Amino acid sequence: ALFGSIERFFGILTEHYAGAFPAWLAPVQVVAIPVADAHADYPRGIATELRALGIRADVDVSDDRMAKKIVNHTNQKVPFMLLAG
C-alpha cells in the first residue's frame, strides 16, 4: 500500500493542496454561471458539451446574485468558472 490506505492518501492530498486541487483532480472542474436567468440555456449547452468531452462541469442556476455565485465557487475552490450572458 502506498500510504497504508486510500483514505490516508486522500487526506495527505487534501492537506497538501489545502482543498484547491489541480484541475485534473478537482471534483468539479468547471462551473458555468449565467449572468441572468434569461441566459441560462447557453451555459447549460456548454456544460453538456464539456461533459461529453469528459470534463466535470456544472451550471449554477441558483437564485443568488452573480457576485455571490462567484464568491461561493471561489470558496469551493472550483478551478474554472465560465460567465455567460
N, C-alpha and C. Protein backbone atom coordinates (compact mmCIF):
# COMPACT_ATOMS: atom_id res chain seq x y z
N ALA A 1 0.84 -1.18 0.00
CA ALA A 1 0.00 0.00 0.00
C ALA A 1 0.88 1.24 0.00
N LEU A 2 0.42 2.24 -0.72
CA LEU A 2 1.21 3.45 -0.88
C LEU A 2 1.43 4.17 0.45
N PHE A 3 0.38 4.49 1.17
CA PHE A 3 0.49 5.14 2.47
C PHE A 3 -0.25 4.36 3.55
N GLY A 4 -0.69 3.18 3.27
CA GLY A 4 -1.41 2.38 4.25
C GLY A 4 -2.88 2.28 3.94
N SER A 5 -3.44 3.30 3.35
CA SER A 5 -4.85 3.23 2.97
C SER A 5 -5.17 4.35 1.99
N ILE A 6 -6.19 4.13 1.21
CA ILE A 6 -6.60 5.15 0.24
C ILE A 6 -7.11 6.40 0.96
N GLU A 7 -7.74 6.20 2.12
CA GLU A 7 -8.24 7.35 2.89
C GLU A 7 -7.09 8.23 3.35
N ARG A 8 -6.02 7.63 3.81
CA ARG A 8 -4.86 8.39 4.26
C ARG A 8 -4.23 9.13 3.08
N PHE A 9 -4.18 8.48 1.93
CA PHE A 9 -3.63 9.11 0.73
C PHE A 9 -4.43 10.36 0.36
N PHE A 10 -5.76 10.26 0.36
CA PHE A 10 -6.58 11.43 0.04
C PHE A 10 -6.49 12.49 1.13
N GLY A 11 -6.30 12.08 2.37
CA GLY A 11 -6.08 13.04 3.44
C GLY A 11 -4.81 13.84 3.22
N ILE A 12 -3.76 13.16 2.80
CA ILE A 12 -2.48 13.83 2.52
C ILE A 12 -2.63 14.78 1.33
N LEU A 13 -3.34 14.33 0.28
CA LEU A 13 -3.57 15.20 -0.87
C LEU A 13 -4.36 16.45 -0.48
N THR A 14 -5.41 16.25 0.32
CA THR A 14 -6.24 17.38 0.74
C THR A 14 -5.43 18.37 1.57
N GLU A 15 -4.61 17.86 2.47
CA GLU A 15 -3.75 18.73 3.27
C GLU A 15 -2.74 19.47 2.40
N HIS A 16 -2.13 18.75 1.47
CA HIS A 16 -1.09 19.34 0.62
C HIS A 16 -1.65 20.47 -0.24
N TYR A 17 -2.80 20.23 -0.86
CA TYR A 17 -3.38 21.23 -1.75
C TYR A 17 -4.32 22.20 -1.02
N ALA A 18 -4.54 22.01 0.27
CA ALA A 18 -5.45 22.84 1.07
C ALA A 18 -6.83 22.91 0.43
N GLY A 19 -7.25 21.82 -0.19
CA GLY A 19 -8.56 21.76 -0.82
C GLY A 19 -8.60 22.31 -2.23
N ALA A 20 -7.58 23.05 -2.66
CA ALA A 20 -7.54 23.63 -4.00
C ALA A 20 -6.81 22.66 -4.93
N PHE A 21 -7.49 21.58 -5.28
CA PHE A 21 -6.88 20.54 -6.11
C PHE A 21 -6.57 21.06 -7.50
N PRO A 22 -5.58 20.46 -8.17
CA PRO A 22 -5.36 20.80 -9.58
C PRO A 22 -6.60 20.39 -10.38
N ALA A 23 -6.77 20.99 -11.54
CA ALA A 23 -7.99 20.78 -12.32
C ALA A 23 -8.27 19.31 -12.60
N TRP A 24 -7.24 18.52 -12.86
CA TRP A 24 -7.47 17.11 -13.20
C TRP A 24 -7.99 16.31 -12.01
N LEU A 25 -7.81 16.81 -10.79
CA LEU A 25 -8.20 16.08 -9.60
C LEU A 25 -9.44 16.67 -8.92
N ALA A 26 -9.82 17.88 -9.31
CA ALA A 26 -10.95 18.56 -8.67
C ALA A 26 -12.26 17.83 -8.95
N PRO A 27 -13.14 17.72 -7.95
CA PRO A 27 -14.43 17.06 -8.18
C PRO A 27 -15.29 17.78 -9.22
N VAL A 28 -15.27 19.10 -9.21
CA VAL A 28 -15.93 19.91 -10.24
C VAL A 28 -14.83 20.74 -10.88
N GLN A 29 -14.62 20.51 -12.18
CA GLN A 29 -13.54 21.20 -12.87
C GLN A 29 -13.96 22.57 -13.39
N VAL A 30 -15.21 22.67 -13.83
CA VAL A 30 -15.71 23.90 -14.43
C VAL A 30 -17.13 24.15 -13.93
N VAL A 31 -17.42 25.39 -13.59
CA VAL A 31 -18.80 25.77 -13.29
C VAL A 31 -19.17 26.92 -14.22
N ALA A 32 -20.33 26.79 -14.86
CA ALA A 32 -20.83 27.84 -15.75
C ALA A 32 -21.85 28.67 -14.98
N ILE A 33 -21.69 29.98 -15.03
CA ILE A 33 -22.56 30.89 -14.29
C ILE A 33 -23.22 31.85 -15.28
N PRO A 34 -24.54 31.75 -15.44
CA PRO A 34 -25.22 32.72 -16.31
C PRO A 34 -25.33 34.08 -15.61
N VAL A 35 -25.22 35.15 -16.39
CA VAL A 35 -25.31 36.50 -15.85
C VAL A 35 -26.73 36.77 -15.35
N ALA A 36 -27.72 36.23 -16.06
CA ALA A 36 -29.13 36.39 -15.69
C ALA A 36 -29.86 35.10 -16.04
N ASP A 37 -31.02 34.91 -15.44
CA ASP A 37 -31.80 33.69 -15.70
C ASP A 37 -32.13 33.52 -17.18
N ALA A 38 -32.31 34.61 -17.88
CA ALA A 38 -32.65 34.55 -19.30
C ALA A 38 -31.53 33.94 -20.13
N HIS A 39 -30.32 33.93 -19.61
CA HIS A 39 -29.17 33.41 -20.35
C HIS A 39 -28.75 32.01 -19.91
N ALA A 40 -29.58 31.32 -19.15
CA ALA A 40 -29.20 30.04 -18.56
C ALA A 40 -29.05 28.91 -19.58
N ASP A 41 -29.74 29.00 -20.71
CA ASP A 41 -29.67 27.91 -21.69
C ASP A 41 -28.29 27.77 -22.31
N TYR A 42 -27.62 28.88 -22.58
CA TYR A 42 -26.30 28.81 -23.21
C TYR A 42 -25.28 28.11 -22.31
N PRO A 43 -25.16 28.47 -21.03
CA PRO A 43 -24.22 27.74 -20.16
C PRO A 43 -24.58 26.26 -20.01
N ARG A 44 -25.87 25.94 -20.03
CA ARG A 44 -26.27 24.53 -19.96
C ARG A 44 -25.74 23.77 -21.17
N GLY A 45 -25.84 24.38 -22.34
CA GLY A 45 -25.32 23.74 -23.55
C GLY A 45 -23.82 23.56 -23.50
N ILE A 46 -23.12 24.57 -23.02
CA ILE A 46 -21.66 24.48 -22.89
C ILE A 46 -21.29 23.37 -21.92
N ALA A 47 -21.98 23.30 -20.78
CA ALA A 47 -21.69 22.27 -19.78
C ALA A 47 -21.95 20.88 -20.34
N THR A 48 -23.00 20.74 -21.14
CA THR A 48 -23.29 19.44 -21.77
C THR A 48 -22.16 19.04 -22.72
N GLU A 49 -21.67 20.00 -23.50
CA GLU A 49 -20.56 19.71 -24.41
C GLU A 49 -19.29 19.35 -23.64
N LEU A 50 -19.03 20.05 -22.55
CA LEU A 50 -17.84 19.74 -21.74
C LEU A 50 -17.95 18.35 -21.13
N ARG A 51 -19.14 17.99 -20.62
CA ARG A 51 -19.33 16.65 -20.05
C ARG A 51 -19.11 15.57 -21.11
N ALA A 52 -19.53 15.84 -22.35
CA ALA A 52 -19.32 14.88 -23.43
C ALA A 52 -17.83 14.67 -23.69
N LEU A 53 -17.02 15.66 -23.35
CA LEU A 53 -15.56 15.56 -23.52
C LEU A 53 -14.88 14.98 -22.28
N GLY A 54 -15.67 14.62 -21.26
CA GLY A 54 -15.10 14.02 -20.06
C GLY A 54 -14.71 15.02 -18.99
N ILE A 55 -15.15 16.25 -19.14
CA ILE A 55 -14.84 17.29 -18.15
C ILE A 55 -16.00 17.37 -17.17
N ARG A 56 -15.68 17.42 -15.89
CA ARG A 56 -16.71 17.51 -14.85
C ARG A 56 -17.17 18.95 -14.74
N ALA A 57 -18.36 19.23 -15.30
CA ALA A 57 -18.87 20.60 -15.37
C ALA A 57 -20.26 20.68 -14.76
N ASP A 58 -20.51 21.81 -14.10
CA ASP A 58 -21.82 22.10 -13.51
C ASP A 58 -22.28 23.48 -13.99
N VAL A 59 -23.58 23.72 -13.82
CA VAL A 59 -24.15 25.03 -14.10
C VAL A 59 -24.81 25.53 -12.83
N ASP A 60 -24.53 26.76 -12.44
CA ASP A 60 -25.13 27.34 -11.25
C ASP A 60 -26.31 28.22 -11.67
N VAL A 61 -27.52 27.70 -11.50
CA VAL A 61 -28.73 28.46 -11.82
C VAL A 61 -29.49 28.80 -10.54
N SER A 62 -28.76 28.93 -9.45
CA SER A 62 -29.38 29.27 -8.17
C SER A 62 -29.92 30.70 -8.21
N ASP A 63 -30.69 31.06 -7.21
CA ASP A 63 -31.30 32.39 -7.14
C ASP A 63 -30.34 33.47 -6.63
N ASP A 64 -29.12 33.09 -6.30
CA ASP A 64 -28.14 34.06 -5.79
C ASP A 64 -27.73 35.04 -6.89
N ARG A 65 -27.25 36.21 -6.46
CA ARG A 65 -26.70 37.18 -7.40
C ARG A 65 -25.42 36.60 -8.01
N MET A 66 -25.04 37.10 -9.18
CA MET A 66 -23.86 36.57 -9.86
C MET A 66 -22.61 36.73 -8.99
N ALA A 67 -22.46 37.86 -8.33
CA ALA A 67 -21.28 38.07 -7.48
C ALA A 67 -21.23 37.04 -6.36
N LYS A 68 -22.37 36.72 -5.78
CA LYS A 68 -22.43 35.72 -4.71
C LYS A 68 -22.07 34.33 -5.25
N LYS A 69 -22.52 34.02 -6.46
CA LYS A 69 -22.17 32.73 -7.08
C LYS A 69 -20.66 32.63 -7.27
N ILE A 70 -20.04 33.71 -7.72
CA ILE A 70 -18.59 33.71 -7.93
C ILE A 70 -17.87 33.49 -6.61
N VAL A 71 -18.31 34.19 -5.57
CA VAL A 71 -17.70 34.03 -4.25
C VAL A 71 -17.87 32.60 -3.75
N ASN A 72 -19.07 32.04 -3.91
CA ASN A 72 -19.32 30.66 -3.45
C ASN A 72 -18.40 29.67 -4.14
N HIS A 73 -18.26 29.79 -5.46
CA HIS A 73 -17.43 28.82 -6.19
C HIS A 73 -15.94 29.07 -5.98
N THR A 74 -15.57 30.30 -5.68
CA THR A 74 -14.19 30.59 -5.31
C THR A 74 -13.87 29.93 -3.97
N ASN A 75 -14.80 30.03 -3.03
CA ASN A 75 -14.62 29.39 -1.72
C ASN A 75 -14.60 27.87 -1.84
N GLN A 76 -15.35 27.32 -2.81
CA GLN A 76 -15.35 25.88 -3.04
C GLN A 76 -14.12 25.45 -3.84
N LYS A 77 -13.34 26.41 -4.28
CA LYS A 77 -12.08 26.18 -4.99
C LYS A 77 -12.27 25.44 -6.31
N VAL A 78 -13.31 25.82 -7.04
CA VAL A 78 -13.53 25.30 -8.39
C VAL A 78 -12.47 25.93 -9.29
N PRO A 79 -11.70 25.13 -10.04
CA PRO A 79 -10.59 25.68 -10.82
C PRO A 79 -10.99 26.69 -11.90
N PHE A 80 -12.12 26.45 -12.60
CA PHE A 80 -12.51 27.32 -13.71
C PHE A 80 -13.97 27.71 -13.60
N MET A 81 -14.25 28.99 -13.87
CA MET A 81 -15.62 29.50 -13.91
C MET A 81 -15.85 30.14 -15.27
N LEU A 82 -16.97 29.79 -15.89
CA LEU A 82 -17.36 30.40 -17.15
C LEU A 82 -18.55 31.32 -16.88
N LEU A 83 -18.42 32.58 -17.24
CA LEU A 83 -19.51 33.53 -17.08
C LEU A 83 -20.12 33.77 -18.45
N ALA A 84 -21.44 33.64 -18.56
CA ALA A 84 -22.10 33.78 -19.85
C ALA A 84 -23.33 34.66 -19.72
N GLY A 85 -23.51 35.50 -20.72
CA GLY A 85 -24.72 36.32 -20.71
C GLY A 85 -24.61 37.52 -21.58
